Amino acid sequence: MPPPTTWRPLSLFASPTPSPTRTLIILNQPITRPDLLPNLWHSCATRICADGGANRLRTADPEGRFVPDLIKGDLDSLRDETRAFYEGKGAQIKQDHSQDSTDLMKCFEEVPPTHEVLLLGGLSGRLDQTVHVLSQIHKLQPTRPSAIYVLSESSLAWVLHPSSHTLHLPHSHFGKTCGVLPLAVEWARVKTRGLEWDLGGPVLERTGFGGVVSSSNWLNGEVVEVETDRAVWWTVEVRGGDE
């Protein structure tokens, strides 16, 4: 089993300088939290739009304060006006006609394996697209030493690999609602400490779709410990928005 992992996702929202090894990928879903965009943008050194994700950025930022380094995909969704606007500001446009990969997969081809990745979008909208995002990250995460985070309107989620984990989740940016989700595994043996309803013990140790799933759980404090024997998804509420 890998050594224990410590997670401090606050740096995604409150980093004083861009991380040279963090990449932001904006997916083709509405940016419903434009209040978070400046901090997310400035925490990443590289910013990529997946095809129509550039349209979403254009809508959320009509003044053009945020210009992506790259727009990539088959470009069937990219509006002509959006393309001309960002090309005029120096963004690179890369068209990939392959039908064997999605725009998300095409964008990951541009990200060094050592980079931490933040996906903006991916947990809302069409269910099939959401499942695709979760599936791709589940397959990619074991090949990448750094985290792949997915952020939507009210949730931040990432994969916890089989190991022990310590999660630092300050109340300044994270709400109390959270979950440990056994996606893509039949069962996982999970123990937690720091939740209102901890997993562990003879009844609540095994989590799976055929039994107990720890959804709508609550943080008791700002630090949570999780031990799991299978890859599971951790999700936590992000403060702001409509709260």
C-alpha atoms as a PDB file:
ATOM      1  CA  MET A   1       0.000   0.000   0.000  1.00  0.00           C
ATOM      2  CA  PRO A   2       1.370   3.494  -0.872  1.00  0.00           C
ATOM      3  CA  PRO A   3       2.535   5.771   1.948  1.00  0.00           C
ATOM      4  CA  PRO A   4       0.011   8.099   3.629  1.00  0.00           C
ATOM      5  CA  THR A   5      -1.072  11.123   1.593  1.00  0.00           C
ATOM      6  CA  THR A   6      -1.827  14.617   2.887  1.00  0.00           C
ATOM      7  CA  TRP A   7      -4.286  16.771   0.943  1.00  0.00           C
ATOM      8  CA  ARG A   8      -4.492  20.578   1.180  1.00  0.00           C
ATOM      9  CA  PRO A   9      -6.933  21.667  -1.567  1.00  0.00           C
ATOM     10  CA  LEU A  10      -7.180  25.192  -0.129  1.00  0.00           C
ATOM     11  CA  SER A  11      -4.241  26.091  -2.399  1.00  0.00           C
ATOM     12  CA  LEU A  12      -6.617  25.809  -5.371  1.00  0.00           C
ATOM     13  CA  PHE A  13      -8.572  28.793  -4.075  1.00  0.00           C
ATOM     14  CA  ALA A  14      -6.043  30.828  -2.093  1.00  0.00           C
ATOM     15  CA  SER A  15      -2.629  30.525  -3.715  1.00  0.00           C
ATOM     16  CA  PRO A  16      -0.566  33.759  -3.645  1.00  0.00           C
ATOM     17  CA  THR A  17       1.327  32.730  -6.803  1.00  0.00           C
ATOM     18  CA  PRO A  18       0.561  30.285  -9.635  1.00  0.00           C
ATOM     19  CA  SER A  19       1.838  26.763  -9.099  1.00  0.00           C
ATOM     20  CA  PRO A  20       4.241  25.959 -11.973  1.00  0.00           C
ATOM     21  CA  THR A  21       3.010  22.345 -11.910  1.00  0.00           C
ATOM     22  CA  ARG A  22      -0.746  22.920 -11.887  1.00  0.00           C
ATOM     23  CA  THR A  23      -2.958  23.018 -14.987  1.00  0.00           C
ATOM     24  CA  LEU A  24      -6.537  24.295 -15.234  1.00  0.00           C
ATOM     25  CA  ILE A  25      -8.804  22.639 -17.834  1.00  0.00           C
ATOM     26  CA  ILE A  26     -12.144  24.347 -18.492  1.00  0.00           C
ATOM     27  CA  LEU A  27     -14.799  21.960 -19.808  1.00  0.00           C
ATOM     28  CA  ASN A  28     -17.807  22.783 -21.971  1.00  0.00           C
ATOM     29  CA  GLN A  29     -20.245  23.364 -19.131  1.00  0.00           C
ATOM     30  CA  PRO A  30     -21.646  26.634 -17.765  1.00  0.00           C
ATOM     31  CA  ILE A  31     -19.319  28.396 -15.326  1.00  0.00           C
ATOM     32  CA  THR A  32     -21.817  28.873 -12.523  1.00  0.00           C
ATOM     33  CA  ARG A  33     -19.277  30.127  -9.989  1.00  0.00           C
ATOM     34  CA  PRO A  34     -17.580  33.089 -11.708  1.00  0.00           C
ATOM     35  CA  ASP A  35     -16.736  34.341  -8.212  1.00  0.00           C
ATOM     36  CA  LEU A  36     -14.172  31.524  -7.974  1.00  0.00           C
ATOM     37  CA  LEU A  37     -12.659  32.041 -11.413  1.00  0.00           C
ATOM     38  CA  PRO A  38      -9.996  34.666 -10.532  1.00  0.00           C
ATOM     39  CA  ASN A  39      -8.485  32.610  -7.706  1.00  0.00           C
ATOM     40  CA  LEU A  40      -8.639  29.360  -9.670  1.00  0.00           C
ATOM     41  CA  TRP A  41      -7.023  31.041 -12.663  1.00  0.00           C
ATOM     42  CA  HIS A  42      -4.205  32.580 -10.651  1.00  0.00           C
ATOM     43  CA  SER A  43      -3.444  29.334  -8.811  1.00  0.00           C
ATOM     44  CA  CYS A  44      -2.550  27.594 -12.104  1.00  0.00           C
ATOM     45  CA  ALA A  45       0.405  28.308 -14.374  1.00  0.00           C
ATOM     46  CA  THR A  46      -1.199  26.697 -17.443  1.00  0.00           C
ATOM     47  CA  ARG A  47      -4.819  27.153 -18.561  1.00  0.00           C
ATOM     48  CA  ILE A  48      -6.514  25.055 -21.254  1.00  0.00           C
ATOM     49  CA  CYS A  49     -10.041  25.199 -22.660  1.00  0.00           C
ATOM     50  CA  ALA A  50     -11.551  21.979 -23.975  1.00  0.00           C
ATOM     51  CA  ASP A  51     -13.217  23.065 -27.226  1.00  0.00           C
ATOM     52  CA  GLY A  52     -16.523  24.720 -26.222  1.00  0.00           C
ATOM     53  CA  GLY A  53     -15.097  25.418 -22.787  1.00  0.00           C
ATOM     54  CA  ALA A  54     -13.702  28.536 -24.430  1.00  0.00           C
ATOM     55  CA  ASN A  55     -17.258  29.710 -25.140  1.00  0.00           C
ATOM     56  CA  ARG A  56     -18.083  29.224 -21.454  1.00  0.00           C
ATOM     57  CA  LEU A  57     -15.052  31.260 -20.416  1.00  0.00           C
ATOM     58  CA  ARG A  58     -15.988  33.991 -22.898  1.00  0.00           C
ATOM     59  CA  THR A  59     -19.481  34.185 -21.375  1.00  0.00           C
ATOM     60  CA  ALA A  60     -18.226  34.216 -17.792  1.00  0.00           C
ATOM     61  CA  ASP A  61     -15.504  36.769 -18.568  1.00  0.00           C
ATOM     62  CA  PRO A  62     -16.771  39.065 -21.359  1.00  0.00           C
ATOM     63  CA  GLU A  63     -14.032  41.631 -20.643  1.00  0.00           C
ATOM     64  CA  GLY A  64     -11.352  39.103 -21.621  1.00  0.00           C
ATOM     65  CA  ARG A  65      -9.331  39.314 -18.412  1.00  0.00           C
ATOM     66  CA  PHE A  66      -8.548  35.601 -18.603  1.00  0.00           C
ATOM     67  CA  VAL A  67      -6.975  34.319 -21.832  1.00  0.00           C
ATOM     68  CA  PRO A  68      -6.258  30.588 -22.092  1.00  0.00           C
ATOM     69  CA  ASP A  69      -2.874  29.349 -23.209  1.00  0.00           C
ATOM     70  CA  LEU A  70      -4.505  26.710 -25.391  1.00  0.00           C
ATOM     71  CA  ILE A  71      -7.905  25.772 -26.826  1.00  0.00           C
ATOM     72  CA  LYS A  72      -7.968  22.162 -27.981  1.00  0.00           C
ATOM     73  CA  GLY A  73     -10.502  19.640 -29.276  1.00  0.00           C
ATOM     74  CA  ASP A  74     -12.230  18.743 -32.507  1.00  0.00           C
ATOM     75  CA  LEU A  75     -13.525  22.347 -32.326  1.00  0.00           C
ATOM     76  CA  ASP A  76     -17.039  21.467 -33.418  1.00  0.00           C
ATOM     77  CA  SER A  77     -18.383  23.547 -30.507  1.00  0.00           C
ATOM     78  CA  LEU A  78     -16.020  26.528 -30.630  1.00  0.00           C
ATOM     79  CA  ARG A  79     -17.835  29.636 -31.872  1.00  0.00           C
ATOM     80  CA  ASP A  80     -16.164  31.697 -34.601  1.00  0.00           C
ATOM     81  CA  GLU A  81     -16.386  34.842 -32.486  1.00  0.00           C
ATOM     82  CA  THR A  82     -14.785  33.087 -29.509  1.00  0.00           C
ATOM     83  CA  ARG A  83     -11.981  31.716 -31.657  1.00  0.00           C
ATOM     84  CA  ALA A  84     -11.225  35.080 -33.228  1.00  0.00           C
ATOM     85  CA  PHE A  85     -11.328  36.838 -29.854  1.00  0.00           C
ATOM     86  CA  TYR A  86      -8.837  34.532 -28.130  1.00  0.00           C
ATOM     87  CA  GLU A  87      -6.610  34.125 -31.182  1.00  0.00           C
ATOM     88  CA  GLY A  88      -6.346  37.911 -31.247  1.00  0.00           C
ATOM     89  CA  LYS A  89      -5.137  37.817 -27.659  1.00  0.00           C
ATOM     90  CA  GLY A  90      -2.468  35.202 -28.345  1.00  0.00           C
ATOM     91  CA  ALA A  91      -4.175  31.934 -27.393  1.00  0.00           C
ATOM     92  CA  GLN A  92      -2.998  28.839 -29.244  1.00  0.00           C
ATOM     93  CA  ILE A  93      -5.717  26.908 -31.100  1.00  0.00           C
ATOM     94  CA  LYS A  94      -5.105  23.211 -31.725  1.00  0.00           C
ATOM     95  CA  GLN A  95      -7.619  21.115 -33.659  1.00  0.00           C
ATOM     96  CA  ASP A  96      -7.614  17.341 -33.244  1.00  0.00           C
ATOM     97  CA  HIS A  97     -10.055  15.489 -35.502  1.00  0.00           C
ATOM     98  CA  SER A  98      -9.604  12.094 -33.825  1.00  0.00           C
ATOM     99  CA  GLN A  99     -12.895  10.341 -33.129  1.00  0.00           C
ATOM    100  CA  ASP A 100     -11.192   7.905 -30.768  1.00  0.00           C
ATOM    101  CA  SER A 101     -10.797  10.439 -27.964  1.00  0.00           C
ATOM    102  CA  THR A 102     -12.978  13.095 -26.372  1.00  0.00           C
ATOM    103  CA  ASP A 103     -12.020  16.735 -25.942  1.00  0.00           C
ATOM    104  CA  LEU A 104     -11.109  16.009 -22.321  1.00  0.00           C
ATOM    105  CA  MET A 105      -8.742  13.228 -23.360  1.00  0.00           C
ATOM    106  CA  LYS A 106      -7.221  15.466 -26.026  1.00  0.00           C
ATOM    107  CA  CYS A 107      -6.510  18.135 -23.422  1.00  0.00           C
ATOM    108  CA  PHE A 108      -4.861  15.679 -21.047  1.00  0.00           C
ATOM    109  CA  GLU A 109      -2.393  14.889 -23.844  1.00  0.00           C
ATOM    110  CA  GLU A 110      -1.050  18.421 -23.347  1.00  0.00           C
ATOM    111  CA  VAL A 111      -0.554  18.120 -19.582  1.00  0.00           C
ATOM    112  CA  PRO A 112       2.739  16.731 -18.207  1.00  0.00           C
ATOM    113  CA  PRO A 113       2.110  13.651 -16.024  1.00  0.00           C
ATOM    114  CA  THR A 114       3.694  15.387 -13.029  1.00  0.00           C
ATOM    115  CA  HIS A 115       1.201  18.265 -13.125  1.00  0.00           C
ATOM    116  CA  GLU A 116      -1.692  18.598 -10.724  1.00  0.00           C
ATOM    117  CA  VAL A 117      -4.898  19.138 -12.717  1.00  0.00           C
ATOM    118  CA  LEU A 118      -8.035  21.095 -11.870  1.00  0.00           C
ATOM    119  CA  LEU A 119     -11.074  20.462 -14.070  1.00  0.00           C
ATOM    120  CA  LEU A 120     -13.637  23.256 -14.008  1.00  0.00           C
ATOM    121  CA  GLY A 121     -16.964  21.591 -14.809  1.00  0.00           C
ATOM    122  CA  GLY A 122     -17.629  17.892 -15.155  1.00  0.00           C
ATOM    123  CA  LEU A 123     -19.963  17.173 -12.234  1.00  0.00           C
ATOM    124  CA  SER A 124     -23.136  18.713 -13.643  1.00  0.00           C
ATOM    125  CA  GLY A 125     -25.071  18.769 -16.896  1.00  0.00           C
ATOM    126  CA  ARG A 126     -25.588  15.578 -18.890  1.00  0.00           C
ATOM    127  CA  LEU A 127     -25.215  12.381 -16.886  1.00  0.00           C
ATOM    128  CA  ASP A 128     -23.288  10.568 -19.636  1.00  0.00           C
ATOM    129  CA  GLN A 129     -20.715  13.366 -19.746  1.00  0.00           C
ATOM    130  CA  THR A 130     -20.382  13.339 -15.964  1.00  0.00           C
ATOM    131  CA  VAL A 131     -19.808   9.575 -15.969  1.00  0.00           C
ATOM    132  CA  HIS A 132     -17.223   9.999 -18.737  1.00  0.00           C
ATOM    133  CA  VAL A 133     -15.294  12.552 -16.675  1.00  0.00           C
ATOM    134  CA  LEU A 134     -15.355  10.321 -13.598  1.00  0.00           C
ATOM    135  CA  SER A 135     -14.346   7.296 -15.666  1.00  0.00           C
ATOM    136  CA  GLN A 136     -11.410   9.031 -17.336  1.00  0.00           C
ATOM    137  CA  ILE A 137     -10.060  10.379 -14.060  1.00  0.00           C
ATOM    138  CA  HIS A 138     -10.464   6.989 -12.384  1.00  0.00           C
ATOM    139  CA  LYS A 139      -8.309   5.483 -15.150  1.00  0.00           C
ATOM    140  CA  LEU A 140      -5.799   8.334 -15.326  1.00  0.00           C
ATOM    141  CA  GLN A 141      -5.177   8.914 -11.623  1.00  0.00           C
ATOM    142  CA  PRO A 142      -3.064   5.755 -11.025  1.00  0.00           C
ATOM    143  CA  THR A 143      -0.724   6.857 -13.843  1.00  0.00           C
ATOM    144  CA  ARG A 144      -0.205  10.366 -12.432  1.00  0.00           C
ATOM    145  CA  PRO A 145       1.619  11.147  -9.178  1.00  0.00           C
ATOM    146  CA  SER A 146      -0.318  14.378  -8.616  1.00  0.00           C
ATOM    147  CA  ALA A 147      -3.999  14.978  -7.950  1.00  0.00           C
ATOM    148  CA  ILE A 148      -6.778  15.482 -10.479  1.00  0.00           C
ATOM    149  CA  TYR A 149      -9.499  17.642  -8.924  1.00  0.00           C
ATOM    150  CA  VAL A 150     -12.976  18.219 -10.371  1.00  0.00           C
ATOM    151  CA  LEU A 151     -14.839  21.372  -9.393  1.00  0.00           C
ATOM    152  CA  SER A 152     -18.463  22.192 -10.106  1.00  0.00           C
ATOM    153  CA  GLU A 153     -20.933  24.691  -8.705  1.00  0.00           C
ATOM    154  CA  SER A 154     -20.937  23.387  -5.149  1.00  0.00           C
ATOM    155  CA  SER A 155     -18.555  20.417  -4.959  1.00  0.00           C
ATOM    156  CA  LEU A 156     -14.876  19.599  -5.189  1.00  0.00           C
ATOM    157  CA  ALA A 157     -14.052  15.927  -5.777  1.00  0.00           C
ATOM    158  CA  TRP A 158     -10.992  13.752  -6.293  1.00  0.00           C
ATOM    159  CA  VAL A 159      -9.867  10.121  -6.121  1.00  0.00           C
ATOM    160  CA  LEU A 160      -8.370   8.689  -2.943  1.00  0.00           C
ATOM    161  CA  HIS A 161      -6.106   5.784  -3.927  1.00  0.00           C
ATOM    162  CA  PRO A 162      -5.747   2.710  -1.677  1.00  0.00           C
ATOM    163  CA  SER A 163      -3.838   4.110   1.294  1.00  0.00           C
ATOM    164  CA  SER A 164      -4.254   6.336   4.342  1.00  0.00           C
ATOM    165  CA  HIS A 165      -5.187   9.967   3.733  1.00  0.00           C
ATOM    166  CA  THR A 166      -5.285  13.120   5.818  1.00  0.00           C
ATOM    167  CA  LEU A 167      -7.488  15.874   4.372  1.00  0.00           C
ATOM    168  CA  HIS A 168      -7.199  19.476   5.545  1.00  0.00           C
ATOM    169  CA  LEU A 169     -10.472  21.284   4.789  1.00  0.00           C
ATOM    170  CA  PRO A 170     -10.673  24.744   6.430  1.00  0.00           C
ATOM    171  CA  HIS A 171     -14.179  26.046   7.031  1.00  0.00           C
ATOM    172  CA  SER A 172     -13.224  29.323   5.356  1.00  0.00           C
ATOM    173  CA  HIS A 173     -13.618  27.667   1.946  1.00  0.00           C
ATOM    174  CA  PHE A 174     -15.321  24.311   2.502  1.00  0.00           C
ATOM    175  CA  GLY A 175     -18.793  23.562   3.819  1.00  0.00           C
ATOM    176  CA  LYS A 176     -19.654  20.665   6.089  1.00  0.00           C
ATOM    177  CA  THR A 177     -21.338  18.361   3.550  1.00  0.00           C
ATOM    178  CA  CYS A 178     -19.096  15.618   2.180  1.00  0.00           C
ATOM    179  CA  GLY A 179     -19.074  12.021   0.983  1.00  0.00           C
ATOM    180  CA  VAL A 180     -16.973   8.921   0.339  1.00  0.00           C
ATOM    181  CA  LEU A 181     -18.221   7.362  -2.906  1.00  0.00           C
ATOM    182  CA  PRO A 182     -17.281   3.828  -4.041  1.00  0.00           C
ATOM    183  CA  LEU A 183     -17.472   4.450  -7.788  1.00  0.00           C
ATOM    184  CA  ALA A 184     -16.092   1.833 -10.233  1.00  0.00           C
ATOM    185  CA  VAL A 185     -15.535  -0.699  -7.432  1.00  0.00           C
ATOM    186  CA  GLU A 186     -17.904  -3.350  -6.116  1.00  0.00           C
ATOM    187  CA  TRP A 187     -16.845  -2.820  -2.511  1.00  0.00           C
ATOM    188  CA  ALA A 188     -14.242  -0.876  -0.577  1.00  0.00           C
ATOM    189  CA  ARG A 189     -13.198  -1.254   3.022  1.00  0.00           C
ATOM    190  CA  VAL A 190     -13.064   2.282   4.377  1.00  0.00           C
ATOM    191  CA  LYS A 191     -12.388   3.719   7.806  1.00  0.00           C
ATOM    192  CA  THR A 192     -12.789   7.408   8.550  1.00  0.00           C
ATOM    193  CA  ARG A 193     -12.188   9.724  11.467  1.00  0.00           C
ATOM    194  CA  GLY A 194     -13.532  13.261  11.689  1.00  0.00           C
ATOM    195  CA  LEU A 195     -16.982  12.786  10.158  1.00  0.00           C
ATOM    196  CA  GLU A 196     -20.372  13.035  11.829  1.00  0.00           C
ATOM    197  CA  TRP A 197     -21.049   9.447  10.699  1.00  0.00           C
ATOM    198  CA  ASP A 198     -17.686   7.726  10.491  1.00  0.00           C
ATOM    199  CA  LEU A 199     -17.169   4.595   8.432  1.00  0.00           C
ATOM    200  CA  GLY A 200     -15.518   1.619  10.114  1.00  0.00           C
ATOM    201  CA  GLY A 201     -16.284  -1.272  12.397  1.00  0.00           C
ATOM    202  CA  PRO A 202     -18.091  -4.527  11.601  1.00  0.00           C
ATOM    203  CA  VAL A 203     -21.153  -2.911   9.998  1.00  0.00           C
ATOM    204  CA  LEU A 204     -19.963   0.313   8.388  1.00  0.00           C
ATOM    205  CA  GLU A 205     -16.519  -0.685   7.100  1.00  0.00           C
ATOM    206  CA  ARG A 206     -17.623  -2.040   3.721  1.00  0.00           C
ATOM    207  CA  THR A 207     -19.039   0.569   1.360  1.00  0.00           C
ATOM    208  CA  GLY A 208     -20.556  -0.144  -2.032  1.00  0.00           C
ATOM    209  CA  PHE A 209     -23.633   0.412  -4.180  1.00  0.00           C
ATOM    210  CA  GLY A 210     -25.073  -2.840  -2.840  1.00  0.00           C
ATOM    211  CA  GLY A 211     -24.804  -1.624   0.741  1.00  0.00           C
ATOM    212  CA  VAL A 212     -23.722   1.476   2.653  1.00  0.00           C
ATOM    213  CA  VAL A 213     -22.718   4.616   0.721  1.00  0.00           C
ATOM    214  CA  SER A 214     -21.462   7.579   2.741  1.00  0.00           C
ATOM    215  CA  SER A 215     -23.249  10.426   0.972  1.00  0.00           C
ATOM    216  CA  SER A 216     -24.505  13.628   2.633  1.00  0.00           C
ATOM    217  CA  ASN A 217     -22.097  13.115   5.500  1.00  0.00           C
ATOM    218  CA  TRP A 218     -20.798  16.052   7.571  1.00  0.00           C
ATOM    219  CA  LEU A 219     -17.374  17.283   8.585  1.00  0.00           C
ATOM    220  CA  ASN A 220     -16.938  17.457  12.350  1.00  0.00           C
ATOM    221  CA  GLY A 221     -13.846  19.633  12.090  1.00  0.00           C
ATOM    222  CA  GLU A 222     -11.262  20.795   9.575  1.00  0.00           C
ATOM    223  CA  VAL A 223      -9.238  17.557   9.377  1.00  0.00           C
ATOM    224  CA  VAL A 224     -10.502  14.182   8.159  1.00  0.00           C
ATOM    225  CA  GLU A 225      -8.629  10.882   8.067  1.00  0.00           C
ATOM    226  CA  VAL A 226      -9.585   8.219   5.522  1.00  0.00           C
ATOM    227  CA  GLU A 227      -8.153   4.734   5.092  1.00  0.00           C
ATOM    228  CA  THR A 228      -9.292   2.685   2.098  1.00  0.00           C
ATOM    229  CA  ASP A 229      -8.271  -0.541   0.374  1.00  0.00           C
ATOM    230  CA  ARG A 230      -9.770   0.489  -2.995  1.00  0.00           C
ATOM    231  CA  ALA A 231      -9.844   3.706  -4.978  1.00  0.00           C
ATOM    232  CA  VAL A 232     -12.823   5.804  -3.873  1.00  0.00           C
ATOM    233  CA  TRP A 233     -14.031   9.314  -4.609  1.00  0.00           C
ATOM    234  CA  TRP A 234     -13.986  12.007  -1.954  1.00  0.00           C
ATOM    235  CA  THR A 235     -16.364  14.941  -2.412  1.00  0.00           C
ATOM    236  CA  VAL A 236     -16.757  18.053  -0.282  1.00  0.00           C
ATOM    237  CA  GLU A 237     -18.963  21.121  -0.423  1.00  0.00           C
ATOM    238  CA  VAL A 238     -17.395  24.383  -1.622  1.00  0.00           C
ATOM    239  CA  ARG A 239     -18.583  27.497   0.148  1.00  0.00           C
ATOM    240  CA  GLY A 240     -20.160  30.453  -1.628  1.00  0.00           C
ATOM    241  CA  GLY A 241     -22.538  30.516  -4.539  1.00  0.00           C
ATOM    242  CA  ASP A 242     -26.139  30.341  -3.372  1.00  0.00           C
ATOM    243  CA  GLU A 243     -25.477  29.436   0.264  1.00  0.00           C
END
